[in-house]
Amino acid sequence: MQSPCVARCGLNDDEICMGCFRHIDEIVGWSSASEIKQQQIWQNLAQRKAQYASEEHHRSKEKERGKNSQIISREKWLEAEKRLAEQDA
């Protein structure tokens, strides 16, 4: 199944990519996720996108907003890999 990635990666404070709206754990675990899990992730994206778009709209009225507040760093990637490995154990 095709990844939801749109190559505009950047994490918000909740570790959600503001490009594809997946959580960092979903991004890191995508290639090893079952097709059912990948479908579940895809199904959650529209709702998550609407949720964060609404929240970002409200925040932008209070302060100037950077589109991607945090690039997905190697450190964040490794933290997510560790969480996923612990879940699988």
PDB file of N, CA and C in Angstrom:
ATOM      1  N   MET A   1       0.852  -1.173   0.000  1.00  0.00           N
ATOM      2  CA  MET A   1       0.000   0.000   0.000  1.00  0.00           C
ATOM      3  C   MET A   1       0.901   1.240   0.000  1.00  0.00           C
ATOM      4  N   GLN A   2       0.467   2.255  -0.714  1.00  0.00           N
ATOM      5  CA  GLN A   2       1.253   3.479  -0.815  1.00  0.00           C
ATOM      6  C   GLN A   2       1.243   4.248   0.499  1.00  0.00           C
ATOM      7  N   SER A   3       2.388   4.809   0.819  1.00  0.00           N
ATOM      8  CA  SER A   3       2.531   5.623   2.022  1.00  0.00           C
ATOM      9  C   SER A   3       1.803   6.953   1.853  1.00  0.00           C
ATOM     10  N   PRO A   4       1.249   7.478   2.934  1.00  0.00           N
ATOM     11  CA  PRO A   4       0.600   8.802   2.885  1.00  0.00           C
ATOM     12  C   PRO A   4       1.593   9.968   2.812  1.00  0.00           C
ATOM     13  N   CYS A   5       2.877   9.683   2.853  1.00  0.00           N
ATOM     14  CA  CYS A   5       3.899  10.731   2.872  1.00  0.00           C
ATOM     15  C   CYS A   5       3.750  11.672   1.680  1.00  0.00           C
ATOM     16  N   VAL A   6       3.838  12.970   1.959  1.00  0.00           N
ATOM     17  CA  VAL A   6       3.779  13.987   0.911  1.00  0.00           C
ATOM     18  C   VAL A   6       5.089  14.776   0.851  1.00  0.00           C
ATOM     19  N   ALA A   7       6.120  14.268   1.525  1.00  0.00           N
ATOM     20  CA  ALA A   7       7.459  14.861   1.521  1.00  0.00           C
ATOM     21  C   ALA A   7       7.468  16.315   2.002  1.00  0.00           C
ATOM     22  N   ARG A   8       6.652  16.604   3.008  1.00  0.00           N
ATOM     23  CA  ARG A   8       6.638  17.930   3.649  1.00  0.00           C
ATOM     24  C   ARG A   8       6.707  17.707   5.146  1.00  0.00           C
ATOM     25  N   CYS A   9       7.703  16.965   5.551  1.00  0.00           N
ATOM     26  CA  CYS A   9       7.810  16.484   6.929  1.00  0.00           C
ATOM     27  C   CYS A   9       8.137  17.600   7.921  1.00  0.00           C
ATOM     28  N   GLY A  10       7.471  17.534   9.030  1.00  0.00           N
ATOM     29  CA  GLY A  10       7.718  18.422  10.148  1.00  0.00           C
ATOM     30  C   GLY A  10       6.754  18.077  11.257  1.00  0.00           C
ATOM     31  N   LEU A  11       7.268  17.896  12.439  1.00  0.00           N
ATOM     32  CA  LEU A  11       6.430  17.481  13.557  1.00  0.00           C
ATOM     33  C   LEU A  11       5.920  18.671  14.357  1.00  0.00           C
ATOM     34  N   ASN A  12       4.674  18.551  14.819  1.00  0.00           N
ATOM     35  CA  ASN A  12       4.164  19.545  15.750  1.00  0.00           C
ATOM     36  C   ASN A  12       4.495  19.075  17.168  1.00  0.00           C
ATOM     37  N   ASP A  13       3.979  19.746  18.152  1.00  0.00           N
ATOM     38  CA  ASP A  13       4.284  19.407  19.546  1.00  0.00           C
ATOM     39  C   ASP A  13       3.743  18.041  19.966  1.00  0.00           C
ATOM     40  N   ASP A  14       2.742  17.529  19.244  1.00  0.00           N
ATOM     41  CA  ASP A  14       2.168  16.216  19.537  1.00  0.00           C
ATOM     42  C   ASP A  14       2.846  15.100  18.748  1.00  0.00           C
ATOM     43  N   GLU A  15       3.941  15.434  18.064  1.00  0.00           N
ATOM     44  CA  GLU A  15       4.695  14.504  17.220  1.00  0.00           C
ATOM     45  C   GLU A  15       3.868  13.994  16.048  1.00  0.00           C
ATOM     46  N   ILE A  16       3.007  14.864  15.524  1.00  0.00           N
ATOM     47  CA  ILE A  16       2.226  14.599  14.324  1.00  0.00           C
ATOM     48  C   ILE A  16       2.894  15.355  13.178  1.00  0.00           C
ATOM     49  N   CYS A  17       3.131  14.661  12.075  1.00  0.00           N
ATOM     50  CA  CYS A  17       3.705  15.314  10.893  1.00  0.00           C
ATOM     51  C   CYS A  17       2.643  16.219  10.286  1.00  0.00           C
ATOM     52  N   MET A  18       2.969  17.462  10.088  1.00  0.00           N
ATOM     53  CA  MET A  18       2.016  18.409   9.538  1.00  0.00           C
ATOM     54  C   MET A  18       1.963  18.344   8.015  1.00  0.00           C
ATOM     55  N   GLY A  19       2.692  17.389   7.434  1.00  0.00           N
ATOM     56  CA  GLY A  19       2.578  17.132   6.001  1.00  0.00           C
ATOM     57  C   GLY A  19       1.553  16.044   5.724  1.00  0.00           C
ATOM     58  N   CYS A  20       1.731  14.884   6.365  1.00  0.00           N
ATOM     59  CA  CYS A  20       0.840  13.741   6.109  1.00  0.00           C
ATOM     60  C   CYS A  20      -0.103  13.438   7.263  1.00  0.00           C
ATOM     61  N   PHE A  21       0.096  14.080   8.400  1.00  0.00           N
ATOM     62  CA  PHE A  21      -0.752  13.947   9.591  1.00  0.00           C
ATOM     63  C   PHE A  21      -0.668  12.566  10.248  1.00  0.00           C
ATOM     64  N   ARG A  22       0.461  11.902  10.071  1.00  0.00           N
ATOM     65  CA  ARG A  22       0.701  10.668  10.813  1.00  0.00           C
ATOM     66  C   ARG A  22       1.543  10.983  12.033  1.00  0.00           C
ATOM     67  N   HIS A  23       1.360  10.190  13.089  1.00  0.00           N
ATOM     68  CA  HIS A  23       2.203  10.285  14.270  1.00  0.00           C
ATOM     69  C   HIS A  23       3.574   9.707  13.899  1.00  0.00           C
ATOM     70  N   ILE A  24       4.620  10.158  14.556  1.00  0.00           N
ATOM     71  CA  ILE A  24       5.973   9.671  14.264  1.00  0.00           C
ATOM     72  C   ILE A  24       6.047   8.144  14.352  1.00  0.00           C
ATOM     73  N   ASP A  25       5.326   7.533  15.291  1.00  0.00           N
ATOM     74  CA  ASP A  25       5.330   6.069  15.395  1.00  0.00           C
ATOM     75  C   ASP A  25       4.719   5.424  14.154  1.00  0.00           C
ATOM     76  N   GLU A  26       3.693   6.058  13.588  1.00  0.00           N
ATOM     77  CA  GLU A  26       3.080   5.531  12.371  1.00  0.00           C
ATOM     78  C   GLU A  26       4.003   5.680  11.177  1.00  0.00           C
ATOM     79  N   ILE A  27       4.769   6.754  11.157  1.00  0.00           N
ATOM     80  CA  ILE A  27       5.727   6.974  10.062  1.00  0.00           C
ATOM     81  C   ILE A  27       6.835   5.933  10.130  1.00  0.00           C
ATOM     82  N   VAL A  28       7.431   5.789  11.295  1.00  0.00           N
ATOM     83  CA  VAL A  28       8.551   4.867  11.467  1.00  0.00           C
ATOM     84  C   VAL A  28       8.104   3.422  11.241  1.00  0.00           C
ATOM     85  N   GLY A  29       6.918   3.076  11.702  1.00  0.00           N
ATOM     86  CA  GLY A  29       6.451   1.703  11.606  1.00  0.00           C
ATOM     87  C   GLY A  29       5.733   1.354  10.316  1.00  0.00           C
ATOM     88  N   TRP A  30       5.587   2.312   9.401  1.00  0.00           N
ATOM     89  CA  TRP A  30       4.808   2.100   8.189  1.00  0.00           C
ATOM     90  C   TRP A  30       5.258   0.870   7.397  1.00  0.00           C
ATOM     91  N   SER A  31       6.531   0.746   7.134  1.00  0.00           N
ATOM     92  CA  SER A  31       7.009  -0.331   6.253  1.00  0.00           C
ATOM     93  C   SER A  31       6.825  -1.719   6.864  1.00  0.00           C
ATOM     94  N   SER A  32       6.743  -1.804   8.183  1.00  0.00           N
ATOM     95  CA  SER A  32       6.562  -3.111   8.810  1.00  0.00           C
ATOM     96  C   SER A  32       5.116  -3.345   9.255  1.00  0.00           C
ATOM     97  N   ALA A  33       4.249  -2.364   9.070  1.00  0.00           N
ATOM     98  CA  ALA A  33       2.843  -2.491   9.478  1.00  0.00           C
ATOM     99  C   ALA A  33       2.098  -3.409   8.518  1.00  0.00           C
ATOM    100  N   SER A  34       1.148  -4.135   9.061  1.00  0.00           N
ATOM    101  CA  SER A  34       0.304  -4.991   8.223  1.00  0.00           C
ATOM    102  C   SER A  34      -0.556  -4.112   7.321  1.00  0.00           C
ATOM    103  N   GLU A  35      -1.101  -4.712   6.285  1.00  0.00           N
ATOM    104  CA  GLU A  35      -1.965  -3.948   5.386  1.00  0.00           C
ATOM    105  C   GLU A  35      -3.190  -3.426   6.140  1.00  0.00           C
ATOM    106  N   ILE A  36      -3.700  -4.209   7.074  1.00  0.00           N
ATOM    107  CA  ILE A  36      -4.850  -3.773   7.879  1.00  0.00           C
ATOM    108  C   ILE A  36      -4.476  -2.542   8.700  1.00  0.00           C
ATOM    109  N   LYS A  37      -3.295  -2.570   9.330  1.00  0.00           N
ATOM    110  CA  LYS A  37      -2.833  -1.421  10.119  1.00  0.00           C
ATOM    111  C   LYS A  37      -2.644  -0.200   9.223  1.00  0.00           C
ATOM    112  N   GLN A  38      -2.070  -0.398   8.034  1.00  0.00           N
ATOM    113  CA  GLN A  38      -1.893   0.711   7.101  1.00  0.00           C
ATOM    114  C   GLN A  38      -3.238   1.298   6.691  1.00  0.00           C
ATOM    115  N   GLN A  39      -4.236   0.460   6.473  1.00  0.00           N
ATOM    116  CA  GLN A  39      -5.574   0.953   6.134  1.00  0.00           C
ATOM    117  C   GLN A  39      -6.160   1.764   7.283  1.00  0.00           C
ATOM    118  N   GLN A  40      -5.941   1.298   8.512  1.00  0.00           N
ATOM    119  CA  GLN A  40      -6.433   2.027   9.683  1.00  0.00           C
ATOM    120  C   GLN A  40      -5.789   3.407   9.764  1.00  0.00           C
ATOM    121  N   ILE A  41      -4.488   3.450   9.506  1.00  0.00           N
ATOM    122  CA  ILE A  41      -3.779   4.741   9.524  1.00  0.00           C
ATOM    123  C   ILE A  41      -4.380   5.670   8.473  1.00  0.00           C
ATOM    124  N   TRP A  42      -4.552   5.168   7.250  1.00  0.00           N
ATOM    125  CA  TRP A  42      -5.145   5.977   6.177  1.00  0.00           C
ATOM    126  C   TRP A  42      -6.516   6.497   6.588  1.00  0.00           C
ATOM    127  N   GLN A  43      -7.324   5.642   7.223  1.00  0.00           N
ATOM    128  CA  GLN A  43      -8.677   6.034   7.609  1.00  0.00           C
ATOM    129  C   GLN A  43      -8.682   7.128   8.671  1.00  0.00           C
ATOM    130  N   ASN A  44      -7.661   7.175   9.494  1.00  0.00           N
ATOM    131  CA  ASN A  44      -7.591   8.183  10.560  1.00  0.00           C
ATOM    132  C   ASN A  44      -7.091   9.541  10.075  1.00  0.00           C
ATOM    133  N   LEU A  45      -6.473   9.592   8.911  1.00  0.00           N
ATOM    134  CA  LEU A  45      -5.807  10.816   8.475  1.00  0.00           C
ATOM    135  C   LEU A  45      -6.754  11.986   8.228  1.00  0.00           C
ATOM    136  N   ALA A  46      -7.881  11.749   7.594  1.00  0.00           N
ATOM    137  CA  ALA A  46      -8.795  12.863   7.283  1.00  0.00           C
ATOM    138  C   ALA A  46      -9.296  13.530   8.563  1.00  0.00           C
ATOM    139  N   GLN A  47      -9.677  12.716   9.550  1.00  0.00           N
ATOM    140  CA  GLN A  47     -10.159  13.264  10.813  1.00  0.00           C
ATOM    141  C   GLN A  47      -9.038  14.008  11.540  1.00  0.00           C
ATOM    142  N   ARG A  48      -7.862  13.408  11.544  1.00  0.00           N
ATOM    143  CA  ARG A  48      -6.728  14.038  12.224  1.00  0.00           C
ATOM    144  C   ARG A  48      -6.359  15.350  11.534  1.00  0.00           C
ATOM    145  N   LYS A  49      -6.369  15.348  10.209  1.00  0.00           N
ATOM    146  CA  LYS A  49      -6.039  16.560   9.466  1.00  0.00           C
ATOM    147  C   LYS A  49      -7.038  17.671   9.807  1.00  0.00           C
ATOM    148  N   ALA A  50      -8.311  17.343   9.843  1.00  0.00           N
ATOM    149  CA  ALA A  50      -9.330  18.341  10.178  1.00  0.00           C
ATOM    150  C   ALA A  50      -9.130  18.856  11.599  1.00  0.00           C
ATOM    151  N   GLN A  51      -8.816  17.958  12.520  1.00  0.00           N
ATOM    152  CA  GLN A  51      -8.599  18.339  13.914  1.00  0.00           C
ATOM    153  C   GLN A  51      -7.433  19.312  14.034  1.00  0.00           C
ATOM    154  N   TYR A  52      -6.299  18.957  13.437  1.00  0.00           N
ATOM    155  CA  TYR A  52      -5.121  19.813  13.571  1.00  0.00           C
ATOM    156  C   TYR A  52      -5.248  21.086  12.757  1.00  0.00           C
ATOM    157  N   ALA A  53      -5.932  21.040  11.637  1.00  0.00           N
ATOM    158  CA  ALA A  53      -6.138  22.259  10.854  1.00  0.00           C
ATOM    159  C   ALA A  53      -6.969  23.250  11.658  1.00  0.00           C
ATOM    160  N   SER A  54      -7.996  22.763  12.347  1.00  0.00           N
ATOM    161  CA  SER A  54      -8.837  23.623  13.177  1.00  0.00           C
ATOM    162  C   SER A  54      -8.033  24.200  14.341  1.00  0.00           C
ATOM    163  N   GLU A  55      -7.244  23.359  15.015  1.00  0.00           N
ATOM    164  CA  GLU A  55      -6.430  23.834  16.136  1.00  0.00           C
ATOM    165  C   GLU A  55      -5.395  24.842  15.659  1.00  0.00           C
ATOM    166  N   GLU A  56      -4.762  24.564  14.529  1.00  0.00           N
ATOM    167  CA  GLU A  56      -3.750  25.480  13.995  1.00  0.00           C
ATOM    168  C   GLU A  56      -4.387  26.816  13.616  1.00  0.00           C
ATOM    169  N   HIS A  57      -5.592  26.773  13.094  1.00  0.00           N
ATOM    170  CA  HIS A  57      -6.287  28.007  12.732  1.00  0.00           C
ATOM    171  C   HIS A  57      -6.477  28.886  13.972  1.00  0.00           C
ATOM    172  N   HIS A  58      -6.886  28.276  15.072  1.00  0.00           N
ATOM    173  CA  HIS A  58      -7.080  29.039  16.304  1.00  0.00           C
ATOM    174  C   HIS A  58      -5.754  29.559  16.853  1.00  0.00           C
ATOM    175  N   ARG A  59      -4.725  28.732  16.806  1.00  0.00           N
ATOM    176  CA  ARG A  59      -3.407  29.167  17.303  1.00  0.00           C
ATOM    177  C   ARG A  59      -2.848  30.306  16.471  1.00  0.00           C
ATOM    178  N   SER A  60      -3.099  30.258  15.156  1.00  0.00           N
ATOM    179  CA  SER A  60      -2.517  31.283  14.276  1.00  0.00           C
ATOM    180  C   SER A  60      -3.095  32.659  14.568  1.00  0.00           C
ATOM    181  N   LYS A  61      -4.290  32.712  15.126  1.00  0.00           N
ATOM    182  CA  LYS A  61      -4.862  33.997  15.492  1.00  0.00           C
ATOM    183  C   LYS A  61      -4.154  34.584  16.713  1.00  0.00           C
ATOM    184  N   GLU A  62      -3.573  33.705  17.528  1.00  0.00           N
ATOM    185  CA  GLU A  62      -2.899  34.162  18.742  1.00  0.00           C
ATOM    186  C   GLU A  62      -1.434  34.520  18.499  1.00  0.00           C
ATOM    187  N   LYS A  63      -0.809  33.809  17.571  1.00  0.00           N
ATOM    188  CA  LYS A  63       0.604  34.080  17.283  1.00  0.00           C
ATOM    189  C   LYS A  63       0.934  33.649  15.865  1.00  0.00           C
ATOM    190  N   GLU A  64       2.011  34.191  15.354  1.00  0.00           N
ATOM    191  CA  GLU A  64       2.437  33.798  14.020  1.00  0.00           C
ATOM    192  C   GLU A  64       2.840  32.340  14.041  1.00  0.00           C
ATOM    193  N   ARG A  65       2.413  31.610  13.041  1.00  0.00           N
ATOM    194  CA  ARG A  65       2.592  30.163  13.027  1.00  0.00           C
ATOM    195  C   ARG A  65       3.655  29.762  12.021  1.00  0.00           C
ATOM    196  N   GLY A  66       4.572  28.878  12.457  1.00  0.00           N
ATOM    197  CA  GLY A  66       5.494  28.228  11.542  1.00  0.00           C
ATOM    198  C   GLY A  66       4.827  26.954  11.061  1.00  0.00           C
ATOM    199  N   LYS A  67       4.868  26.653   9.779  1.00  0.00           N
ATOM    200  CA  LYS A  67       4.152  25.498   9.245  1.00  0.00           C
ATOM    201  C   LYS A  67       4.624  24.189   9.856  1.00  0.00           C
ATOM    202  N   ASN A  68       5.916  24.017   9.981  1.00  0.00           N
ATOM    203  CA  ASN A  68       6.466  22.805  10.572  1.00  0.00           C
ATOM    204  C   ASN A  68       7.365  23.215  11.716  1.00  0.00           C
ATOM    205  N   SER A  69       6.856  23.028  12.922  1.00  0.00           N
ATOM    206  CA  SER A  69       7.569  23.533  14.071  1.00  0.00           C
ATOM    207  C   SER A  69       8.806  22.727  14.413  1.00  0.00           C
ATOM    208  N   GLN A  70       8.875  21.523  13.915  1.00  0.00           N
ATOM    209  CA  GLN A  70      10.016  20.691  14.256  1.00  0.00           C
ATOM    210  C   GLN A  70      10.271  19.687  13.139  1.00  0.00           C
ATOM    211  N   ILE A  71      11.444  19.708  12.576  1.00  0.00           N
ATOM    212  CA  ILE A  71      11.806  18.732  11.560  1.00  0.00           C
ATOM    213  C   ILE A  71      11.915  17.371  12.227  1.00  0.00           C
ATOM    214  N   ILE A  72      11.589  16.325  11.470  1.00  0.00           N
ATOM    215  CA  ILE A  72      11.724  14.979  12.028  1.00  0.00           C
ATOM    216  C   ILE A  72      13.219  14.675  12.118  1.00  0.00           C
ATOM    217  N   SER A  73      13.737  14.739  13.315  1.00  0.00           N
ATOM    218  CA  SER A  73      15.161  14.541  13.531  1.00  0.00           C
ATOM    219  C   SER A  73      15.482  13.060  13.689  1.00  0.00           C
ATOM    220  N   ARG A  74      16.738  12.740  13.558  1.00  0.00           N
ATOM    221  CA  ARG A  74      17.197  11.363  13.778  1.00  0.00           C
ATOM    222  C   ARG A  74      16.851  10.928  15.203  1.00  0.00           C
ATOM    223  N   GLU A  75      17.004  11.844  16.144  1.00  0.00           N
ATOM    224  CA  GLU A  75      16.693  11.534  17.538  1.00  0.00           C
ATOM    225  C   GLU A  75      15.227  11.126  17.699  1.00  0.00           C
ATOM    226  N   LYS A  76      14.312  11.893  17.084  1.00  0.00           N
ATOM    227  CA  LYS A  76      12.886  11.571  17.165  1.00  0.00           C
ATOM    228  C   LYS A  76      12.601  10.221  16.507  1.00  0.00           C
ATOM    229  N   TRP A  77      13.266   9.975  15.385  1.00  0.00           N
ATOM    230  CA  TRP A  77      13.093   8.715  14.672  1.00  0.00           C
ATOM    231  C   TRP A  77      13.518   7.545  15.561  1.00  0.00           C
ATOM    232  N   LEU A  78      14.675   7.652  16.194  1.00  0.00           N
ATOM    233  CA  LEU A  78      15.183   6.578  17.046  1.00  0.00           C
ATOM    234  C   LEU A  78      14.299   6.366  18.266  1.00  0.00           C
ATOM    235  N   GLU A  79      13.763   7.443  18.826  1.00  0.00           N
ATOM    236  CA  GLU A  79      12.834   7.315  19.956  1.00  0.00           C
ATOM    237  C   GLU A  79      11.597   6.524  19.538  1.00  0.00           C
ATOM    238  N   ALA A  80      11.089   6.813  18.361  1.00  0.00           N
ATOM    239  CA  ALA A  80       9.904   6.106  17.869  1.00  0.00           C
ATOM    240  C   ALA A  80      10.214   4.642  17.598  1.00  0.00           C
ATOM    241  N   GLU A  81      11.373   4.359  17.019  1.00  0.00           N
ATOM    242  CA  GLU A  81      11.773   2.963  16.794  1.00  0.00           C
ATOM    243  C   GLU A  81      11.823   2.198  18.106  1.00  0.00           C
ATOM    244  N   LYS A  82      12.352   2.825  19.132  1.00  0.00           N
ATOM    245  CA  LYS A  82      12.449   2.178  20.442  1.00  0.00           C
ATOM    246  C   LYS A  82      11.058   1.884  21.007  1.00  0.00           C
ATOM    247  N   ARG A  83      10.137   2.862  20.914  1.00  0.00           N
ATOM    248  CA  ARG A  83       8.768   2.652  21.401  1.00  0.00           C
ATOM    249  C   ARG A  83       8.099   1.491  20.672  1.00  0.00           C
ATOM    250  N   LEU A  84       8.281   1.441  19.354  1.00  0.00           N
ATOM    251  CA  LEU A  84       7.660   0.384  18.569  1.00  0.00           C
ATOM    252  C   LEU A  84       8.239  -0.975  18.910  1.00  0.00           C
ATOM    253  N   ALA A  85       9.545  -1.042  19.126  1.00  0.00           N
ATOM    254  CA  ALA A  85      10.193  -2.303  19.494  1.00  0.00           C
ATOM    255  C   ALA A  85       9.680  -2.783  20.843  1.00  0.00           C
ATOM    256  N   GLU A  86       9.484  -1.863  21.784  1.00  0.00           N
ATOM    257  CA  GLU A  86       8.965  -2.230  23.107  1.00  0.00           C
ATOM    258  C   GLU A  86       7.531  -2.735  23.017  1.00  0.00           C
ATOM    259  N   GLN A  87       6.744  -2.162  22.104  1.00  0.00           N
ATOM    260  CA  GLN A  87       5.359  -2.609  21.919  1.00  0.00           C
ATOM    261  C   GLN A  87       5.308  -4.022  21.335  1.00  0.00           C
ATOM    262  N   ASP A  88       6.264  -4.314  20.464  1.00  0.00           N
ATOM    263  CA  ASP A  88       6.305  -5.630  19.804  1.00  0.00           C
ATOM    264  C   ASP A  88       6.842  -6.723  20.715  1.00  0.00           C
ATOM    265  N   ALA A  89       7.556  -6.311  21.772  1.00  0.00           N
ATOM    266  CA  ALA A  89       8.192  -7.299  22.663  1.00  0.00           C
ATOM    267  C   ALA A  89       7.207  -7.941  23.618  1.00  0.00           C
TER     268      ALA A  89
END
